[in-house]
Amino acid sequence: DSKHVGMKEVSTIGKIAVQGPEAAEFLNRIYVNGWKTLPVGRLRYGIMLREDGFVLDDGATARLGEHDYFMTTTTANAAKGLSKMEFLLQTAWRDLKVHVTSVTDQWAAIAVAGPKARALLSAASGADVSRDAVPNNHFTHATIADVEVRIHRVSYSGELAYEVYAPAGHGRLVWETLFEAGRPYNLIPYGTECMGALRVEKGHIAGPEIDGRTTLKDLGLEGFASSKKPFVGSVLRHRPVLEDAARPVLVGLEIEGDTGANAGSLLFAQSAKAEGHGDGWVSSTTFSPALSKNIALGFLKNGARRKGETVQVMDFLSEQRLSATVVSPHFFDPEGARQN
């Protein structure tokens, strides 16, 4: 709704300080995309692979200063990602002048999303967070309730959105101040289930898709990988088994009927006998308020060529049998107009 704004507490996301004169070089090695040219005041989406070429994690990293970066990770992989980075710095890259430090508990984080997000933050902080002042993938410093905060312009929900980072001890004060300032804008706090529905509508990947078995190609993200530099996993991601055209790739599924699919359900061709492992699986599922139907993300063999096909969705544990149409995983606003 164009009259509304929502906010969500997202402090559980991993936060890692990457600091030192060779921090940019370090990021350039662990992320698949390039990091040497990111200016101070900007942030960038990044993807990490394991050495074997499978996706480890994704997140956004901001450049706070010349040698100071603020990395965010998924909640589930925060410790795993930090451990991997420390291992590399202590074994393979001992010459790099870089320190990585978990600052997850030092920062409270609040997502502010929706058409009135910009108006709410301006009212609460007095800062200029307009499109020109803080374009997408930029950040600015501001003050909310006499607390110094950092406001990142980044969207996970697909809406116009910001992330507000405040010292953890002042997180509740900043939350309550934003809540009060949001009353004229019909502010609605929202939870994890709502955020999950929003991200599935947009085809944004999360833990169920980054489950240790998927590659950049499987996720449709191979375009992020640089061809100009080596990075962790850059060689082994090209193994023939991982480049097999028949590997299951990310697709959208529009579920027929009024019942939603169960995550983990197996996918079978309409004409096939439903037995064995099938042609793929359902990873995330939700009812979509924007589309008024049940939808899901999943992985399907030859999925890119099967758009428009009807498949069987089978959960043998609950004996659920459904049908679904294969579509693009970007169900809603595929052009990304709403986040601007």
C-alpha atoms as a PDB file:
ATOM      1  CA  ASP A   1       0.000   0.000   0.000  1.00  0.00           C
ATOM      2  CA  SER A   2       1.418   3.393  -1.007  1.00  0.00           C
ATOM      3  CA  LYS A   3       0.407   4.889   2.374  1.00  0.00           C
ATOM      4  CA  HIS A   4       2.340   2.465   4.542  1.00  0.00           C
ATOM      5  CA  VAL A   5       5.768   1.562   5.886  1.00  0.00           C
ATOM      6  CA  GLY A   6       6.978  -1.478   7.816  1.00  0.00           C
ATOM      7  CA  MET A   7       9.920  -2.154  10.054  1.00  0.00           C
ATOM      8  CA  LYS A   8      11.585  -5.318  11.240  1.00  0.00           C
ATOM      9  CA  GLU A   9      14.288  -6.126  13.778  1.00  0.00           C
ATOM     10  CA  VAL A  10      17.091  -7.857  11.860  1.00  0.00           C
ATOM     11  CA  SER A  11      19.920  -7.800  14.416  1.00  0.00           C
ATOM     12  CA  THR A  12      20.540 -11.534  13.989  1.00  0.00           C
ATOM     13  CA  ILE A  13      22.271 -11.050  10.634  1.00  0.00           C
ATOM     14  CA  GLY A  14      26.011 -11.620  10.843  1.00  0.00           C
ATOM     15  CA  LYS A  15      28.213  -8.535  10.998  1.00  0.00           C
ATOM     16  CA  ILE A  16      31.970  -8.740  10.465  1.00  0.00           C
ATOM     17  CA  ALA A  17      34.514  -5.917  10.567  1.00  0.00           C
ATOM     18  CA  VAL A  18      37.117  -6.416   7.813  1.00  0.00           C
ATOM     19  CA  GLN A  19      39.969  -4.019   8.498  1.00  0.00           C
ATOM     20  CA  GLY A  20      43.512  -3.423   7.320  1.00  0.00           C
ATOM     21  CA  PRO A  21      45.507  -1.985   4.411  1.00  0.00           C
ATOM     22  CA  GLU A  22      44.794  -5.055   2.268  1.00  0.00           C
ATOM     23  CA  ALA A  23      41.121  -5.455   3.139  1.00  0.00           C
ATOM     24  CA  ALA A  24      40.029  -4.757  -0.459  1.00  0.00           C
ATOM     25  CA  GLU A  25      42.371  -7.458  -1.757  1.00  0.00           C
ATOM     26  CA  PHE A  26      41.004  -9.883   0.836  1.00  0.00           C
ATOM     27  CA  LEU A  27      37.389  -9.182  -0.165  1.00  0.00           C
ATOM     28  CA  ASN A  28      38.380  -9.558  -3.805  1.00  0.00           C
ATOM     29  CA  ARG A  29      39.597 -13.087  -3.063  1.00  0.00           C
ATOM     30  CA  ILE A  30      36.697 -14.353  -0.976  1.00  0.00           C
ATOM     31  CA  TYR A  31      33.861 -12.828  -3.017  1.00  0.00           C
ATOM     32  CA  VAL A  32      33.173 -13.895  -6.600  1.00  0.00           C
ATOM     33  CA  ASN A  33      32.646 -10.293  -7.746  1.00  0.00           C
ATOM     34  CA  GLY A  34      35.124  -7.407  -7.792  1.00  0.00           C
ATOM     35  CA  TRP A  35      35.906  -5.219  -4.737  1.00  0.00           C
ATOM     36  CA  LYS A  36      38.984  -3.178  -5.646  1.00  0.00           C
ATOM     37  CA  THR A  37      36.998  -0.182  -6.927  1.00  0.00           C
ATOM     38  CA  LEU A  38      34.255   0.176  -4.275  1.00  0.00           C
ATOM     39  CA  PRO A  39      34.407   3.814  -3.031  1.00  0.00           C
ATOM     40  CA  VAL A  40      34.016   4.876   0.610  1.00  0.00           C
ATOM     41  CA  GLY A  41      30.330   5.502   1.291  1.00  0.00           C
ATOM     42  CA  ARG A  42      29.126   2.676  -0.940  1.00  0.00           C
ATOM     43  CA  LEU A  43      28.069  -0.898  -0.332  1.00  0.00           C
ATOM     44  CA  ARG A  44      27.872  -3.892  -2.628  1.00  0.00           C
ATOM     45  CA  TYR A  45      26.176  -7.276  -2.735  1.00  0.00           C
ATOM     46  CA  GLY A  46      28.661 -10.135  -2.635  1.00  0.00           C
ATOM     47  CA  ILE A  47      28.635 -13.934  -2.919  1.00  0.00           C
ATOM     48  CA  MET A  48      31.182 -16.341  -1.417  1.00  0.00           C
ATOM     49  CA  LEU A  49      31.929 -19.869  -2.577  1.00  0.00           C
ATOM     50  CA  ARG A  50      33.536 -22.778  -0.798  1.00  0.00           C
ATOM     51  CA  GLU A  51      36.729 -24.166  -2.303  1.00  0.00           C
ATOM     52  CA  ASP A  52      34.679 -26.900  -4.003  1.00  0.00           C
ATOM     53  CA  GLY A  53      32.684 -24.334  -6.004  1.00  0.00           C
ATOM     54  CA  PHE A  54      29.416 -24.473  -4.066  1.00  0.00           C
ATOM     55  CA  VAL A  55      27.867 -21.281  -2.672  1.00  0.00           C
ATOM     56  CA  LEU A  56      28.774 -20.633   0.976  1.00  0.00           C
ATOM     57  CA  ASP A  57      26.943 -17.382   1.706  1.00  0.00           C
ATOM     58  CA  ASP A  58      25.851 -13.987   0.433  1.00  0.00           C
ATOM     59  CA  GLY A  59      25.431 -10.540   1.933  1.00  0.00           C
ATOM     60  CA  ALA A  60      26.266  -6.864   1.535  1.00  0.00           C
ATOM     61  CA  THR A  61      29.521  -5.163   2.518  1.00  0.00           C
ATOM     62  CA  ALA A  62      29.919  -1.415   3.084  1.00  0.00           C
ATOM     63  CA  ARG A  63      33.175   0.525   2.815  1.00  0.00           C
ATOM     64  CA  LEU A  64      33.273   2.742   5.902  1.00  0.00           C
ATOM     65  CA  GLY A  65      36.800   4.079   5.379  1.00  0.00           C
ATOM     66  CA  GLU A  66      39.953   3.535   3.346  1.00  0.00           C
ATOM     67  CA  HIS A  67      40.869   0.353   5.254  1.00  0.00           C
ATOM     68  CA  ASP A  68      37.572  -0.335   7.034  1.00  0.00           C
ATOM     69  CA  TYR A  69      34.720  -2.505   5.716  1.00  0.00           C
ATOM     70  CA  PHE A  70      31.493  -3.640   7.377  1.00  0.00           C
ATOM     71  CA  MET A  71      30.341  -7.043   6.100  1.00  0.00           C
ATOM     72  CA  THR A  72      26.902  -8.544   6.650  1.00  0.00           C
ATOM     73  CA  THR A  73      26.164 -12.244   6.254  1.00  0.00           C
ATOM     74  CA  THR A  74      23.106 -14.440   6.569  1.00  0.00           C
ATOM     75  CA  THR A  75      22.117 -15.293  10.138  1.00  0.00           C
ATOM     76  CA  ALA A  76      22.710 -19.009   9.586  1.00  0.00           C
ATOM     77  CA  ASN A  77      26.193 -18.667   8.098  1.00  0.00           C
ATOM     78  CA  ALA A  78      27.688 -15.864  10.206  1.00  0.00           C
ATOM     79  CA  ALA A  79      29.906 -18.139  12.300  1.00  0.00           C
ATOM     80  CA  LYS A  80      30.723 -20.426   9.386  1.00  0.00           C
ATOM     81  CA  GLY A  81      31.779 -17.504   7.179  1.00  0.00           C
ATOM     82  CA  LEU A  82      33.936 -15.918   9.885  1.00  0.00           C
ATOM     83  CA  SER A  83      35.604 -19.267  10.577  1.00  0.00           C
ATOM     84  CA  LYS A  84      36.384 -19.715   6.877  1.00  0.00           C
ATOM     85  CA  MET A  85      37.908 -16.242   6.628  1.00  0.00           C
ATOM     86  CA  GLU A  86      40.039 -16.710   9.749  1.00  0.00           C
ATOM     87  CA  PHE A  87      41.243 -20.086   8.461  1.00  0.00           C
ATOM     88  CA  LEU A  88      42.361 -18.588   5.153  1.00  0.00           C
ATOM     89  CA  LEU A  89      44.131 -15.680   6.848  1.00  0.00           C
ATOM     90  CA  GLN A  90      45.966 -18.026   9.213  1.00  0.00           C
ATOM     91  CA  THR A  91      46.971 -20.620   6.612  1.00  0.00           C
ATOM     92  CA  ALA A  92      46.782 -19.707   2.915  1.00  0.00           C
ATOM     93  CA  TRP A  93      47.055 -15.893   3.081  1.00  0.00           C
ATOM     94  CA  ARG A  94      49.291 -15.262   6.087  1.00  0.00           C
ATOM     95  CA  ASP A  95      50.939 -12.321   4.295  1.00  0.00           C
ATOM     96  CA  LEU A  96      47.707 -10.289   3.981  1.00  0.00           C
ATOM     97  CA  LYS A  97      47.517  -7.343   6.369  1.00  0.00           C
ATOM     98  CA  VAL A  98      43.876  -7.858   7.370  1.00  0.00           C
ATOM     99  CA  HIS A  99      41.916  -8.516  10.570  1.00  0.00           C
ATOM    100  CA  VAL A 100      38.383  -9.929  10.654  1.00  0.00           C
ATOM    101  CA  THR A 101      36.321  -9.425  13.807  1.00  0.00           C
ATOM    102  CA  SER A 102      32.776 -10.479  14.615  1.00  0.00           C
ATOM    103  CA  VAL A 103      30.743  -7.380  15.543  1.00  0.00           C
ATOM    104  CA  THR A 104      27.357  -9.098  15.313  1.00  0.00           C
ATOM    105  CA  ASP A 105      26.536  -8.384  18.957  1.00  0.00           C
ATOM    106  CA  GLN A 106      27.815  -4.799  18.817  1.00  0.00           C
ATOM    107  CA  TRP A 107      25.176  -3.570  16.372  1.00  0.00           C
ATOM    108  CA  ALA A 108      21.396  -3.599  16.446  1.00  0.00           C
ATOM    109  CA  ALA A 109      19.866  -3.587  12.975  1.00  0.00           C
ATOM    110  CA  ILE A 110      16.400  -2.476  11.901  1.00  0.00           C
ATOM    111  CA  ALA A 111      14.974  -2.809   8.391  1.00  0.00           C
ATOM    112  CA  VAL A 112      12.627   0.020   7.361  1.00  0.00           C
ATOM    113  CA  ALA A 113      10.754  -0.861   4.176  1.00  0.00           C
ATOM    114  CA  GLY A 114       7.839   0.341   2.111  1.00  0.00           C
ATOM    115  CA  PRO A 115       6.710   3.385   0.115  1.00  0.00           C
ATOM    116  CA  LYS A 116       6.932   5.694   3.159  1.00  0.00           C
ATOM    117  CA  ALA A 117      10.327   4.424   4.387  1.00  0.00           C
ATOM    118  CA  ARG A 118      12.130   7.533   3.179  1.00  0.00           C
ATOM    119  CA  ALA A 119       9.606   9.881   4.801  1.00  0.00           C
ATOM    120  CA  LEU A 120       9.772   8.025   8.114  1.00  0.00           C
ATOM    121  CA  LEU A 121      13.572   8.082   8.309  1.00  0.00           C
ATOM    122  CA  SER A 122      13.679  11.766   7.383  1.00  0.00           C
ATOM    123  CA  ALA A 123      11.163  12.559  10.130  1.00  0.00           C
ATOM    124  CA  ALA A 124      12.967  10.456  12.757  1.00  0.00           C
ATOM    125  CA  SER A 125      16.519  11.558  11.988  1.00  0.00           C
ATOM    126  CA  GLY A 126      16.269  14.868  10.155  1.00  0.00           C
ATOM    127  CA  ALA A 127      18.772  13.414   7.663  1.00  0.00           C
ATOM    128  CA  ASP A 128      18.482  13.759   3.901  1.00  0.00           C
ATOM    129  CA  VAL A 129      17.854  10.193   2.700  1.00  0.00           C
ATOM    130  CA  SER A 130      16.422  11.216  -0.656  1.00  0.00           C
ATOM    131  CA  ARG A 131      17.202   9.272  -3.805  1.00  0.00           C
ATOM    132  CA  ASP A 132      19.874  11.809  -4.790  1.00  0.00           C
ATOM    133  CA  ALA A 133      21.470  12.000  -1.326  1.00  0.00           C
ATOM    134  CA  VAL A 134      21.455   8.243  -0.614  1.00  0.00           C
ATOM    135  CA  PRO A 135      21.075   6.301  -3.881  1.00  0.00           C
ATOM    136  CA  ASN A 136      20.667   2.539  -3.880  1.00  0.00           C
ATOM    137  CA  ASN A 137      23.738   0.759  -2.401  1.00  0.00           C
ATOM    138  CA  HIS A 138      24.956   3.878  -0.572  1.00  0.00           C
ATOM    139  CA  PHE A 139      24.900   4.711   3.136  1.00  0.00           C
ATOM    140  CA  THR A 140      24.890   7.810   5.304  1.00  0.00           C
ATOM    141  CA  HIS A 141      25.447   8.725   8.960  1.00  0.00           C
ATOM    142  CA  ALA A 142      22.594  10.198  10.991  1.00  0.00           C
ATOM    143  CA  THR A 143      21.283  10.694  14.526  1.00  0.00           C
ATOM    144  CA  ILE A 144      18.084   9.170  15.913  1.00  0.00           C
ATOM    145  CA  ALA A 145      17.126  10.000  19.526  1.00  0.00           C
ATOM    146  CA  ASP A 146      20.655  11.393  20.071  1.00  0.00           C
ATOM    147  CA  VAL A 147      22.104   8.022  18.993  1.00  0.00           C
ATOM    148  CA  GLU A 148      24.581   8.010  16.121  1.00  0.00           C
ATOM    149  CA  VAL A 149      23.387   5.510  13.508  1.00  0.00           C
ATOM    150  CA  ARG A 150      24.311   4.427  10.018  1.00  0.00           C
ATOM    151  CA  ILE A 151      21.562   4.154   7.398  1.00  0.00           C
ATOM    152  CA  HIS A 152      22.193   1.749   4.499  1.00  0.00           C
ATOM    153  CA  ARG A 153      20.032   1.995   1.382  1.00  0.00           C
ATOM    154  CA  VAL A 154      19.567  -1.694   0.585  1.00  0.00           C
ATOM    155  CA  SER A 155      16.486  -3.838   0.040  1.00  0.00           C
ATOM    156  CA  TYR A 156      15.878  -7.510   0.769  1.00  0.00           C
ATOM    157  CA  SER A 157      12.085  -7.239   0.594  1.00  0.00           C
ATOM    158  CA  GLY A 158      12.004  -5.725  -2.898  1.00  0.00           C
ATOM    159  CA  GLU A 159      10.398  -2.537  -1.563  1.00  0.00           C
ATOM    160  CA  LEU A 160      12.015   0.869  -1.070  1.00  0.00           C
ATOM    161  CA  ALA A 161      14.051  -0.044   2.000  1.00  0.00           C
ATOM    162  CA  TYR A 162      16.840   0.930   4.354  1.00  0.00           C
ATOM    163  CA  GLU A 163      18.767  -0.804   7.125  1.00  0.00           C
ATOM    164  CA  VAL A 164      19.470   1.233  10.270  1.00  0.00           C
ATOM    165  CA  TYR A 165      22.513   0.192  12.324  1.00  0.00           C
ATOM    166  CA  ALA A 166      22.745   1.453  15.906  1.00  0.00           C
ATOM    167  CA  PRO A 167      25.003   0.496  18.830  1.00  0.00           C
ATOM    168  CA  ALA A 168      23.363  -2.554  20.389  1.00  0.00           C
ATOM    169  CA  GLY A 169      22.803  -0.899  23.780  1.00  0.00           C
ATOM    170  CA  HIS A 170      20.681   1.782  22.104  1.00  0.00           C
ATOM    171  CA  GLY A 171      18.771  -0.556  19.777  1.00  0.00           C
ATOM    172  CA  ARG A 172      15.531  -0.495  21.739  1.00  0.00           C
ATOM    173  CA  LEU A 173      15.569   3.311  22.017  1.00  0.00           C
ATOM    174  CA  VAL A 174      16.064   3.673  18.256  1.00  0.00           C
ATOM    175  CA  TRP A 175      13.317   1.103  17.594  1.00  0.00           C
ATOM    176  CA  GLU A 176      10.836   2.905  19.868  1.00  0.00           C
ATOM    177  CA  THR A 177      11.718   6.284  18.351  1.00  0.00           C
ATOM    178  CA  LEU A 178      11.146   4.969  14.835  1.00  0.00           C
ATOM    179  CA  PHE A 179       7.898   3.343  15.970  1.00  0.00           C
ATOM    180  CA  GLU A 180       6.539   6.614  17.365  1.00  0.00           C
ATOM    181  CA  ALA A 181       7.700   8.603  14.314  1.00  0.00           C
ATOM    182  CA  GLY A 182       5.965   6.065  12.102  1.00  0.00           C
ATOM    183  CA  ARG A 183       2.463   6.517  13.474  1.00  0.00           C
ATOM    184  CA  PRO A 184       1.473   9.176  10.883  1.00  0.00           C
ATOM    185  CA  TYR A 185       2.665   6.791   8.147  1.00  0.00           C
ATOM    186  CA  ASN A 186       0.593   3.785   9.298  1.00  0.00           C
ATOM    187  CA  LEU A 187       3.753   1.969  10.347  1.00  0.00           C
ATOM    188  CA  ILE A 188       3.401  -1.786  10.805  1.00  0.00           C
ATOM    189  CA  PRO A 189       6.113  -3.904  12.468  1.00  0.00           C
ATOM    190  CA  TYR A 190       6.501  -7.130  10.513  1.00  0.00           C
ATOM    191  CA  GLY A 191       8.066 -10.475  11.293  1.00  0.00           C
ATOM    192  CA  THR A 192      10.195 -13.187   9.766  1.00  0.00           C
ATOM    193  CA  GLU A 193       7.293 -14.982   8.091  1.00  0.00           C
ATOM    194  CA  CYS A 194       6.206 -11.779   6.345  1.00  0.00           C
ATOM    195  CA  MET A 195       9.785 -11.089   5.241  1.00  0.00           C
ATOM    196  CA  GLY A 196       9.966 -14.641   3.924  1.00  0.00           C
ATOM    197  CA  ALA A 197       6.862 -14.111   1.809  1.00  0.00           C
ATOM    198  CA  LEU A 198       8.256 -10.853   0.410  1.00  0.00           C
ATOM    199  CA  ARG A 199      11.602 -12.371  -0.543  1.00  0.00           C
ATOM    200  CA  VAL A 200      10.017 -15.461  -2.163  1.00  0.00           C
ATOM    201  CA  GLU A 201       7.809 -13.173  -4.279  1.00  0.00           C
ATOM    202  CA  LYS A 202      10.994 -11.470  -5.507  1.00  0.00           C
ATOM    203  CA  GLY A 203      12.956 -14.689  -6.001  1.00  0.00           C
ATOM    204  CA  HIS A 204      15.580 -13.621  -3.452  1.00  0.00           C
ATOM    205  CA  ILE A 205      17.593 -16.590  -2.199  1.00  0.00           C
ATOM    206  CA  ALA A 206      18.038 -17.450   1.493  1.00  0.00           C
ATOM    207  CA  GLY A 207      19.167 -20.385   3.619  1.00  0.00           C
ATOM    208  CA  PRO A 208      16.852 -22.948   1.982  1.00  0.00           C
ATOM    209  CA  GLU A 209      18.446 -22.156  -1.396  1.00  0.00           C
ATOM    210  CA  ILE A 210      22.024 -21.790  -0.074  1.00  0.00           C
ATOM    211  CA  ASP A 211      21.965 -25.254   1.478  1.00  0.00           C
ATOM    212  CA  GLY A 212      25.497 -26.339   0.585  1.00  0.00           C
ATOM    213  CA  ARG A 213      24.411 -28.153  -2.574  1.00  0.00           C
ATOM    214  CA  THR A 214      23.876 -25.261  -4.979  1.00  0.00           C
ATOM    215  CA  THR A 215      26.212 -23.370  -7.305  1.00  0.00           C
ATOM    216  CA  LEU A 216      26.094 -19.890  -8.815  1.00  0.00           C
ATOM    217  CA  LYS A 217      24.724 -21.444 -12.002  1.00  0.00           C
ATOM    218  CA  ASP A 218      22.032 -23.361 -10.111  1.00  0.00           C
ATOM    219  CA  LEU A 219      20.902 -20.097  -8.489  1.00  0.00           C
ATOM    220  CA  GLY A 220      21.031 -18.028 -11.693  1.00  0.00           C
ATOM    221  CA  LEU A 221      23.796 -15.857 -10.218  1.00  0.00           C
ATOM    222  CA  GLU A 222      26.742 -16.838 -12.425  1.00  0.00           C
ATOM    223  CA  GLY A 223      26.706 -13.318 -13.894  1.00  0.00           C
ATOM    224  CA  PHE A 224      28.208 -12.028 -10.637  1.00  0.00           C
ATOM    225  CA  ALA A 225      31.383 -14.094 -11.054  1.00  0.00           C
ATOM    226  CA  SER A 226      34.361 -12.104 -12.300  1.00  0.00           C
ATOM    227  CA  SER A 227      36.302 -13.469 -15.265  1.00  0.00           C
ATOM    228  CA  LYS A 228      39.235 -11.147 -14.517  1.00  0.00           C
ATOM    229  CA  LYS A 229      40.447 -12.532 -11.182  1.00  0.00           C
ATOM    230  CA  PRO A 230      40.765 -15.750  -9.199  1.00  0.00           C
ATOM    231  CA  PHE A 231      38.638 -16.203  -6.083  1.00  0.00           C
ATOM    232  CA  VAL A 232      37.881 -18.999  -3.640  1.00  0.00           C
ATOM    233  CA  GLY A 233      36.103 -21.709  -5.636  1.00  0.00           C
ATOM    234  CA  SER A 234      36.796 -20.120  -9.036  1.00  0.00           C
ATOM    235  CA  VAL A 235      38.460 -23.251 -10.448  1.00  0.00           C
ATOM    236  CA  LEU A 236      36.400 -26.084  -9.009  1.00  0.00           C
ATOM    237  CA  ARG A 237      33.087 -24.389  -9.819  1.00  0.00           C
ATOM    238  CA  HIS A 238      33.814 -25.338 -13.441  1.00  0.00           C
ATOM    239  CA  ARG A 239      33.894 -29.087 -12.797  1.00  0.00           C
ATOM    240  CA  PRO A 240      31.889 -30.904 -15.494  1.00  0.00           C
ATOM    241  CA  VAL A 241      29.389 -32.281 -12.985  1.00  0.00           C
ATOM    242  CA  LEU A 242      28.597 -28.727 -11.824  1.00  0.00           C
ATOM    243  CA  GLU A 243      28.188 -27.429 -15.374  1.00  0.00           C
ATOM    244  CA  ASP A 244      25.923 -30.256 -16.505  1.00  0.00           C
ATOM    245  CA  ALA A 245      23.017 -28.604 -18.353  1.00  0.00           C
ATOM    246  CA  ALA A 246      20.600 -31.041 -16.716  1.00  0.00           C
ATOM    247  CA  ARG A 247      21.439 -29.928 -13.146  1.00  0.00           C
ATOM    248  CA  PRO A 248      18.422 -28.641 -11.210  1.00  0.00           C
ATOM    249  CA  VAL A 249      18.259 -24.836 -11.357  1.00  0.00           C
ATOM    250  CA  LEU A 250      16.170 -22.274  -9.481  1.00  0.00           C
ATOM    251  CA  VAL A 251      12.608 -21.862 -10.760  1.00  0.00           C
ATOM    252  CA  GLY A 252       9.346 -20.413  -9.543  1.00  0.00           C
ATOM    253  CA  LEU A 253       6.301 -22.608  -8.998  1.00  0.00           C
ATOM    254  CA  GLU A 254       2.700 -21.400  -9.044  1.00  0.00           C
ATOM    255  CA  ILE A 255       0.773 -23.980  -7.040  1.00  0.00           C
ATOM    256  CA  GLU A 256      -2.658 -24.974  -8.342  1.00  0.00           C
ATOM    257  CA  GLY A 257      -5.535 -24.942  -5.849  1.00  0.00           C
ATOM    258  CA  ASP A 258      -5.885 -23.486  -2.375  1.00  0.00           C
ATOM    259  CA  THR A 259      -3.258 -25.600  -0.608  1.00  0.00           C
ATOM    260  CA  GLY A 260       0.381 -24.540  -0.414  1.00  0.00           C
ATOM    261  CA  ALA A 261       3.233 -26.923  -1.119  1.00  0.00           C
ATOM    262  CA  ASN A 262       5.444 -28.251   1.654  1.00  0.00           C
ATOM    263  CA  ALA A 263       9.131 -27.337   1.565  1.00  0.00           C
ATOM    264  CA  GLY A 264      11.128 -30.426   0.639  1.00  0.00           C
ATOM    265  CA  SER A 265       8.454 -31.787  -1.704  1.00  0.00           C
ATOM    266  CA  LEU A 266       9.822 -33.526  -4.792  1.00  0.00           C
ATOM    267  CA  LEU A 267       9.065 -32.469  -8.366  1.00  0.00           C
ATOM    268  CA  PHE A 268       8.110 -34.888 -11.137  1.00  0.00           C
ATOM    269  CA  ALA A 269       7.143 -34.437 -14.765  1.00  0.00           C
ATOM    270  CA  GLN A 270       3.377 -34.593 -15.240  1.00  0.00           C
ATOM    271  CA  SER A 271       3.642 -37.830 -17.221  1.00  0.00           C
ATOM    272  CA  ALA A 272       6.211 -39.507 -14.965  1.00  0.00           C
ATOM    273  CA  LYS A 273       5.535 -42.047 -12.246  1.00  0.00           C
ATOM    274  CA  ALA A 274       6.085 -40.358  -8.904  1.00  0.00           C
ATOM    275  CA  GLU A 275       8.845 -42.455  -7.387  1.00  0.00           C
ATOM    276  CA  GLY A 276      12.492 -41.944  -6.529  1.00  0.00           C
ATOM    277  CA  HIS A 277      14.102 -38.503  -6.274  1.00  0.00           C
ATOM    278  CA  GLY A 278      12.283 -36.963  -9.227  1.00  0.00           C
ATOM    279  CA  ASP A 279      13.484 -33.959 -11.231  1.00  0.00           C
ATOM    280  CA  GLY A 280      14.008 -31.571  -8.318  1.00  0.00           C
ATOM    281  CA  TRP A 281      12.605 -30.238  -5.072  1.00  0.00           C
ATOM    282  CA  VAL A 282      10.778 -27.342  -3.409  1.00  0.00           C
ATOM    283  CA  SER A 283      13.068 -25.148  -1.299  1.00  0.00           C
ATOM    284  CA  SER A 284      10.823 -22.294  -0.039  1.00  0.00           C
ATOM    285  CA  THR A 285       7.067 -21.894  -0.059  1.00  0.00           C
ATOM    286  CA  THR A 286       4.543 -19.197   0.881  1.00  0.00           C
ATOM    287  CA  PHE A 287       1.147 -17.738   0.177  1.00  0.00           C
ATOM    288  CA  SER A 288       1.659 -14.552  -1.817  1.00  0.00           C
ATOM    289  CA  PRO A 289      -0.656 -11.696  -0.759  1.00  0.00           C
ATOM    290  CA  ALA A 290       0.496  -9.668  -3.776  1.00  0.00           C
ATOM    291  CA  LEU A 291      -0.478 -12.423  -6.221  1.00  0.00           C
ATOM    292  CA  SER A 292      -3.307 -14.006  -4.181  1.00  0.00           C
ATOM    293  CA  LYS A 293      -1.961 -17.500  -4.745  1.00  0.00           C
ATOM    294  CA  ASN A 294       0.377 -20.077  -3.277  1.00  0.00           C
ATOM    295  CA  ILE A 295       3.864 -19.952  -4.752  1.00  0.00           C
ATOM    296  CA  ALA A 296       7.189 -21.638  -4.142  1.00  0.00           C
ATOM    297  CA  LEU A 297      10.847 -21.574  -5.110  1.00  0.00           C
ATOM    298  CA  GLY A 298      12.453 -24.823  -6.119  1.00  0.00           C
ATOM    299  CA  PHE A 299      15.124 -26.499  -8.189  1.00  0.00           C
ATOM    300  CA  LEU A 300      14.208 -28.371 -11.367  1.00  0.00           C
ATOM    301  CA  LYS A 301      16.279 -30.278 -13.923  1.00  0.00           C
ATOM    302  CA  ASN A 302      16.459 -28.338 -17.206  1.00  0.00           C
ATOM    303  CA  GLY A 303      14.357 -25.738 -15.379  1.00  0.00           C
ATOM    304  CA  ALA A 304      15.261 -22.859 -17.696  1.00  0.00           C
ATOM    305  CA  ARG A 305      13.645 -24.691 -20.610  1.00  0.00           C
ATOM    306  CA  ARG A 306      10.546 -25.849 -18.754  1.00  0.00           C
ATOM    307  CA  LYS A 307       8.759 -22.543 -18.140  1.00  0.00           C
ATOM    308  CA  GLY A 308       5.027 -23.033 -18.608  1.00  0.00           C
ATOM    309  CA  GLU A 309       5.194 -26.785 -17.957  1.00  0.00           C
ATOM    310  CA  THR A 310       2.945 -28.373 -15.336  1.00  0.00           C
ATOM    311  CA  VAL A 311       4.766 -30.594 -12.834  1.00  0.00           C
ATOM    312  CA  GLN A 312       3.722 -32.829  -9.971  1.00  0.00           C
ATOM    313  CA  VAL A 313       4.623 -31.659  -6.453  1.00  0.00           C
ATOM    314  CA  MET A 314       4.853 -34.668  -4.151  1.00  0.00           C
ATOM    315  CA  ASP A 315       5.401 -34.874  -0.393  1.00  0.00           C
ATOM    316  CA  PHE A 316       5.560 -38.568   0.401  1.00  0.00           C
ATOM    317  CA  LEU A 317       5.687 -37.975   4.185  1.00  0.00           C
ATOM    318  CA  SER A 318       2.310 -36.239   4.347  1.00  0.00           C
ATOM    319  CA  GLU A 319       1.022 -37.909   1.157  1.00  0.00           C
ATOM    320  CA  GLN A 320       0.379 -34.472  -0.336  1.00  0.00           C
ATOM    321  CA  ARG A 321      -0.050 -34.435  -4.120  1.00  0.00           C
ATOM    322  CA  LEU A 322      -0.249 -31.080  -5.914  1.00  0.00           C
ATOM    323  CA  SER A 323       0.314 -29.643  -9.371  1.00  0.00           C
ATOM    324  CA  ALA A 324       2.288 -26.518 -10.205  1.00  0.00           C
ATOM    325  CA  THR A 325       3.179 -24.407 -13.216  1.00  0.00           C
ATOM    326  CA  VAL A 326       6.881 -23.676 -13.735  1.00  0.00           C
ATOM    327  CA  VAL A 327       7.517 -19.916 -13.986  1.00  0.00           C
ATOM    328  CA  SER A 328      10.311 -17.410 -13.427  1.00  0.00           C
ATOM    329  CA  PRO A 329      11.441 -17.235  -9.772  1.00  0.00           C
ATOM    330  CA  HIS A 330      10.887 -13.459  -9.979  1.00  0.00           C
ATOM    331  CA  PHE A 331       7.146 -13.567  -9.381  1.00  0.00           C
ATOM    332  CA  PHE A 332       6.495  -9.950  -8.436  1.00  0.00           C
ATOM    333  CA  ASP A 333       7.886  -6.669  -9.812  1.00  0.00           C
ATOM    334  CA  PRO A 334      10.654  -8.374 -11.858  1.00  0.00           C
ATOM    335  CA  GLU A 335      11.913  -4.995 -13.070  1.00  0.00           C
ATOM    336  CA  GLY A 336      12.650  -3.923  -9.473  1.00  0.00           C
ATOM    337  CA  ALA A 337      10.736  -0.681  -9.827  1.00  0.00           C
ATOM    338  CA  ARG A 338       9.311  -0.730  -6.298  1.00  0.00           C
ATOM    339  CA  GLN A 339      12.691  -0.593  -4.537  1.00  0.00           C
ATOM    340  CA  ASN A 340      13.303   2.827  -6.088  1.00  0.00           C
END
